[in-house]
Protein backbone atom coordinates (compact mmCIF):
# COMPACT_ATOMS: atom_id res chain seq x y z
CA MET A 1 -19.32 -42.76 5.32
CA LYS A 2 -19.20 -43.99 1.85
CA LEU A 3 -22.65 -42.99 0.03
CA PRO A 4 -24.61 -45.68 -1.77
CA ALA A 5 -24.24 -45.74 -5.28
CA CYS A 6 -27.62 -44.34 -6.02
CA ALA A 7 -27.07 -41.36 -3.73
CA ALA A 8 -23.62 -40.75 -5.10
CA ALA A 9 -25.28 -40.65 -8.72
CA LEU A 10 -27.84 -38.24 -7.37
CA GLY A 11 -25.33 -36.00 -5.96
CA ALA A 12 -23.44 -35.69 -9.25
CA ALA A 13 -26.57 -35.16 -11.07
CA ALA A 14 -27.31 -32.17 -8.80
CA LEU A 15 -23.98 -30.93 -9.18
CA LEU A 16 -24.10 -30.93 -12.90
CA ALA A 17 -27.62 -29.16 -12.92
CA CYS A 18 -26.33 -26.35 -10.51
CA MET A 19 -23.53 -25.85 -13.26
CA THR A 20 -25.68 -25.63 -16.15
CA GLY A 21 -28.40 -23.50 -14.65
CA ALA A 22 -25.71 -20.95 -13.10
CA SER A 23 -23.64 -20.64 -16.14
CA GLY A 24 -26.17 -21.08 -18.93
CA MET A 25 -23.90 -24.08 -20.16
CA SER A 26 -25.36 -27.25 -21.62
CA ALA A 27 -25.09 -30.34 -19.77
CA ALA A 28 -22.69 -31.60 -22.25
CA GLN A 29 -20.72 -28.56 -22.27
CA ALA A 30 -20.53 -28.60 -18.30
CA ALA A 31 -19.41 -32.32 -18.38
CA ASP A 32 -16.66 -31.73 -20.97
CA ALA A 33 -15.38 -28.51 -18.91
CA ARG A 34 -15.18 -30.63 -15.66
CA ALA A 35 -13.40 -33.27 -17.59
CA LEU A 36 -10.66 -30.98 -18.91
CA PRO A 37 -7.05 -30.21 -16.83
CA SER A 38 -6.40 -26.75 -16.10
CA VAL A 39 -3.46 -24.35 -16.66
CA ASN A 40 -2.70 -22.20 -13.67
CA MET A 41 -2.08 -18.97 -15.36
CA GLU A 42 -0.12 -17.23 -12.43
CA ALA A 43 2.62 -20.17 -12.38
CA THR A 44 2.63 -20.24 -16.05
CA VAL A 45 3.44 -16.63 -16.59
CA LYS A 46 6.25 -16.69 -13.64
CA ALA A 47 7.77 -19.71 -15.28
CA ALA A 48 7.90 -17.74 -18.63
CA GLN A 49 9.97 -15.13 -16.85
CA ILE A 50 12.21 -17.19 -14.53
CA ASP A 51 13.07 -20.32 -16.87
CA PRO A 52 14.53 -18.46 -19.65
CA ARG A 53 17.17 -16.80 -17.28
CA ARG A 54 18.18 -20.19 -15.57
CA SER A 55 21.73 -21.66 -16.49
CA ASP A 56 20.26 -24.95 -15.77
CA ASP A 57 17.02 -26.98 -16.20
CA THR A 58 15.58 -26.47 -12.84
CA LEU A 59 11.70 -26.26 -13.27
CA THR A 60 9.85 -23.28 -11.64
CA PRO A 61 8.06 -24.96 -8.74
CA GLY A 62 4.31 -25.47 -8.98
CA ALA A 63 4.35 -24.66 -12.81
CA LYS A 64 5.46 -27.96 -14.40
CA ALA A 65 1.99 -29.43 -14.99
CA SER A 66 0.52 -26.14 -16.49
CA VAL A 67 3.88 -25.57 -18.63
CA LEU A 68 3.52 -29.20 -20.06
CA LEU A 69 -0.18 -28.42 -21.19
CA VAL A 70 0.65 -25.13 -23.17
CA GLU A 71 3.71 -26.86 -24.65
CA ARG A 72 1.75 -29.72 -25.84
CA ALA A 73 -0.90 -27.58 -27.36
CA LEU A 74 1.91 -25.58 -29.02
CA ARG A 75 3.78 -28.85 -30.16
CA ASP A 76 0.32 -29.98 -31.94
CA ARG A 77 0.06 -26.57 -33.82
CA HIS A 78 3.52 -27.36 -35.12
CA LEU A 79 5.03 -24.23 -33.24
CA LEU A 80 7.18 -26.11 -30.98
CA ASP A 81 9.22 -29.13 -31.48
CA ALA A 82 8.44 -32.40 -29.16
CA LYS A 83 11.99 -32.22 -27.72
CA TRP A 84 11.09 -29.02 -25.84
CA VAL A 85 7.97 -30.44 -24.37
CA ASP A 86 9.70 -30.72 -20.89
CA GLY A 87 7.85 -28.51 -18.39
CA TYR A 88 10.39 -25.85 -18.62
CA PHE A 89 9.26 -22.38 -20.19
CA GLY A 90 12.34 -21.63 -21.51
CA THR A 91 13.23 -19.13 -24.46
CA THR A 92 12.38 -21.64 -27.06
CA THR A 93 8.69 -22.11 -25.60
CA VAL A 94 8.38 -18.12 -25.03
CA VAL A 95 9.29 -17.62 -28.82
CA ALA A 96 6.62 -20.36 -29.78
CA PHE A 97 4.04 -18.78 -27.73
CA ALA A 98 4.95 -15.36 -29.41
CA LYS A 99 4.34 -16.78 -32.80
CA PHE A 100 1.02 -18.33 -31.60
CA GLN A 101 -0.18 -14.81 -30.51
CA ARG A 102 0.82 -13.45 -33.73
CA SER A 103 -1.15 -16.10 -35.61
CA LEU A 104 -4.12 -14.78 -33.62
CA GLY A 105 -3.38 -11.51 -35.31
CA LEU A 106 -1.97 -10.10 -31.89
CA THR A 107 0.80 -7.52 -31.98
CA GLY A 108 3.18 -5.37 -29.85
CA LEU A 109 2.98 -6.28 -26.22
CA ALA A 110 0.09 -8.73 -26.64
CA ALA A 111 2.58 -10.70 -28.49
CA ASN A 112 5.35 -10.79 -26.19
CA GLY A 113 5.50 -14.45 -25.60
CA LEU A 114 3.95 -14.16 -21.95
CA PRO A 115 0.57 -15.87 -21.91
CA GLY A 116 -2.00 -13.50 -21.89
CA LYS A 117 -5.81 -14.30 -20.84
CA ALA A 118 -6.78 -14.17 -24.48
CA SER A 119 -4.08 -16.14 -26.21
CA LEU A 120 -3.99 -18.84 -23.43
CA THR A 121 -7.76 -19.19 -23.32
CA ARG A 122 -7.40 -19.55 -27.15
CA LEU A 123 -4.63 -22.08 -27.07
CA GLY A 124 -6.50 -24.21 -24.59
CA ALA A 125 -9.79 -24.27 -26.58
CA GLY A 126 -11.05 -28.07 -26.23
CA ARG A 127 -7.70 -29.07 -24.57
CA PHE A 128 -7.56 -27.28 -20.96
CA THR A 129 -9.16 -24.63 -18.89
CA VAL A 130 -7.52 -21.56 -17.52
CA THR A 131 -7.40 -20.74 -13.81
CA HIS A 132 -5.88 -18.31 -11.80
CA ILE A 133 -6.27 -15.56 -14.33
CA ILE A 134 -4.31 -12.25 -14.35
CA GLY A 135 -3.99 -9.28 -16.16
CA PRO A 136 -2.70 -5.72 -16.17
CA GLY A 137 -5.84 -3.83 -16.53
CA ALA A 138 -6.38 -0.61 -18.33
CA ARG A 139 -3.62 2.18 -18.69
CA VAL A 140 -4.26 4.93 -16.26
CA SER A 141 -2.29 8.10 -14.96
CA ALA A 142 -0.53 7.75 -11.59
CA GLY A 143 1.78 10.67 -10.44
CA GLY A 144 1.92 12.46 -13.88
CA VAL A 145 3.13 9.09 -15.60
CA VAL A 146 1.39 6.13 -17.30
CA VAL A 147 1.13 3.00 -15.50
CA ASP A 148 -1.65 -0.12 -15.64
CA THR A 149 -4.20 -0.61 -13.12
CA ARG A 150 -2.38 -3.33 -11.30
CA THR A 151 0.61 -1.65 -11.02
CA ARG A 152 -1.08 1.64 -9.53
CA SER A 153 -2.61 -0.79 -7.01
CA MET A 154 0.57 -2.36 -6.09
CA LEU A 155 2.01 1.23 -5.78
CA ALA A 156 -0.69 2.52 -3.64
CA GLU A 157 -0.22 -0.54 -1.17
CA ALA A 158 3.91 -0.18 -1.00
CA LYS A 159 2.92 3.72 -0.33
CA ARG A 160 0.92 2.27 2.65
CA LEU A 161 3.55 -0.08 4.07
CA PHE A 162 6.35 2.57 3.60
CA GLY A 163 4.11 5.49 5.39
CA ARG A 164 5.26 8.08 2.94
CA ASP A 165 4.26 9.13 -0.52
CA LEU A 166 6.46 7.93 -3.29
CA VAL A 167 7.37 10.45 -6.40
CA LEU A 168 7.37 8.76 -9.67
CA LEU A 169 10.22 9.58 -12.44
CA GLN A 170 9.33 7.33 -14.99
CA GLY A 171 6.27 5.10 -15.67
CA SER A 172 5.35 2.55 -18.39
CA TYR A 173 4.46 2.02 -21.79
CA ASN A 174 7.15 4.59 -23.40
CA ARG A 175 7.24 4.88 -27.08
CA GLY A 176 10.81 4.18 -27.90
CA GLY A 177 11.45 4.92 -23.93
CA ASP A 178 14.53 6.57 -22.20
CA PRO A 179 17.75 5.09 -23.73
CA THR A 180 19.21 4.57 -20.33
CA SER A 181 16.41 2.44 -19.58
CA ALA A 182 17.23 -0.20 -22.18
CA GLY A 183 13.73 -0.69 -23.10
CA THR A 184 12.46 -1.94 -19.62
CA HIS A 185 9.91 0.82 -19.43
CA ASP A 186 8.43 -0.02 -23.15
CA GLY A 187 6.17 -2.26 -21.62
CA GLY A 188 3.86 -2.16 -18.66
CA GLY A 189 4.52 -2.79 -14.91
CA VAL A 190 7.83 -0.70 -14.53
CA VAL A 191 8.36 2.36 -12.78
CA ASP A 192 11.47 4.72 -11.66
CA ILE A 193 11.08 6.31 -8.09
CA SER A 194 12.78 9.67 -6.91
CA VAL A 195 14.92 9.25 -4.04
CA LYS A 196 15.40 12.83 -3.56
CA GLY A 197 15.84 13.89 0.18
CA MET A 198 16.11 10.14 1.18
CA ASP A 199 19.23 8.66 3.09
CA SER A 200 20.43 4.89 2.36
CA ALA A 201 18.25 3.38 5.14
CA THR A 202 15.03 5.41 3.53
CA ARG A 203 15.84 4.01 0.00
CA THR A 204 16.38 0.52 1.39
CA ALA A 205 13.10 0.65 3.13
CA VAL A 206 11.14 1.92 -0.14
CA VAL A 207 12.77 -1.03 -1.75
CA ARG A 208 11.74 -3.48 0.70
CA ALA A 209 7.92 -2.02 0.43
CA LEU A 210 8.15 -2.64 -3.03
CA ARG A 211 9.68 -6.08 -2.95
CA ARG A 212 6.90 -7.19 -0.35
CA VAL A 213 3.75 -6.47 -2.68
CA GLY A 214 5.47 -7.91 -6.08
CA PHE A 215 7.91 -5.76 -7.75
CA ALA A 216 11.53 -6.56 -8.46
CA ALA A 217 13.01 -3.66 -7.09
CA TRP A 218 16.59 -2.16 -6.56
CA VAL A 219 18.42 1.08 -5.78
CA ARG A 220 20.14 2.28 -8.78
CA SER A 221 22.99 4.55 -8.66
CA PRO A 222 25.34 6.56 -10.86
CA ASP A 223 28.17 4.13 -10.40
CA GLN A 224 26.06 1.42 -12.29
CA ALA A 225 25.44 3.31 -15.50
CA ASP A 226 24.69 6.72 -17.05
CA TRP A 227 21.67 7.70 -14.67
CA PRO A 228 20.88 9.37 -11.36
CA TRP A 229 20.07 7.83 -8.29
CA HIS A 230 16.62 6.39 -8.38
CA ILE A 231 14.67 3.42 -7.45
CA HIS A 232 13.71 0.68 -10.22
CA GLY A 233 10.68 -1.49 -10.13
CA ALA A 234 9.20 -4.15 -12.28
CA ALA A 235 5.91 -5.57 -11.45
CA ILE A 236 6.25 -9.65 -11.40
CA ASN A 237 3.66 -11.12 -13.57
CA ASP A 238 2.53 -8.19 -15.24
CA THR A 239 1.74 -9.68 -18.66
CA ASP A 240 2.39 -6.58 -20.56
CA LEU A 241 6.05 -6.67 -19.44
CA SER A 242 9.00 -5.83 -22.26
CA SER A 243 11.36 -8.69 -22.89
CA GLN A 244 13.93 -6.58 -20.97
CA ALA A 245 11.78 -6.27 -18.03
CA GLN A 246 10.94 -10.13 -18.20
CA HIS A 247 14.76 -10.90 -18.11
CA GLN A 248 14.86 -8.49 -14.96
CA ILE A 249 12.52 -10.29 -13.20
CA GLY A 250 13.90 -13.83 -13.94
CA ASP A 251 17.04 -12.29 -12.62
CA TYR A 252 15.62 -11.22 -9.48
CA TYR A 253 14.25 -14.78 -8.76
CA LEU A 254 17.65 -16.17 -9.39
CA GLY A 255 19.33 -13.62 -6.67
CA LEU A 256 21.00 -10.86 -9.42
CA ASN A 257 20.55 -7.58 -9.60
CA GLY A 258 18.67 -7.00 -13.08
CA LEU A 259 21.48 -5.38 -14.73
CA ALA A 260 23.39 -6.33 -17.91
CA GLY A 261 26.09 -7.82 -15.91
CA ARG A 262 24.09 -9.95 -14.05
CA GLY A 263 25.63 -9.36 -10.64
CA PRO A 264 24.41 -10.50 -6.94
CA ASP A 265 21.20 -8.82 -6.03
CA ASP A 266 22.11 -6.06 -3.68
CA GLY A 267 18.82 -5.36 -2.19
CA PRO A 268 17.03 -6.25 1.04
CA LYS A 269 16.21 -9.81 1.33
CA VAL A 270 12.40 -10.70 1.42
CA THR A 271 10.03 -13.40 0.48
CA ILE A 272 9.45 -13.14 -3.16
CA ARG A 273 5.92 -13.01 -4.14
CA THR A 274 3.72 -11.91 -6.85
CA TRP A 275 1.07 -9.17 -6.03
CA GLU A 276 -1.71 -11.81 -6.26
CA GLU A 277 0.22 -14.01 -3.83
CA TYR A 278 0.83 -10.91 -1.53
CA GLN A 279 -2.84 -10.41 -1.35
CA ARG A 280 -3.69 -14.03 -0.73
CA ARG A 281 -1.11 -14.09 2.10
């Protein structure tokens, strides 16, 4: 049933009053917030990992509208040429976003080109709001190595699915890192897991559990490089990822094995999800 105009107006006024009372915003601020478009942070960060690894201009599903808002804001700050405002969060947009992060005084992983909560919110001031906010959380100890709290939660759920404990060989936030890891462990979200005592089927079961909860994960063997047998996992959408780990995750979405040669994925096939998507399933 269509409400009379006076009733609709009263409803809008009540909604505005609720918004201002609950948040402490003025009526004008609340009205402005309602009028702004929104950027889906989850989708935008995902695109920033996948798009730079594509060989074509296919857009990441569900990310175009948000990426366009980000690119327009970067363009208006003279950090991105107008020809790159296309909804495709490719290498040029990653570089432009990293420049913006550095302009805020951010350094290191906080200026890695992946939109973090603080930098994305600052970029959107007066232009867009940010929804589906994600973050790595604090750095903590897990199994004798350092990870972030998001990664720790993901590992705990993977262990539950697998039904056994997982022994970590290497964690995240390396200072200089293990030379065999090519920088993937220098940021957050990345772990190596022991396969001691596991047969081939068990190793595959671990990778499957990791993938189900939001890791790009593979069994690594000595035939591939100068390293022992282990399982490597990188948490999709961890905003502290090193650039090397970002590339591995992009390749995982594109059906590749995350190695420099970019061979076909050799792991079990599962529906690819982020940790947040897994929790909402």
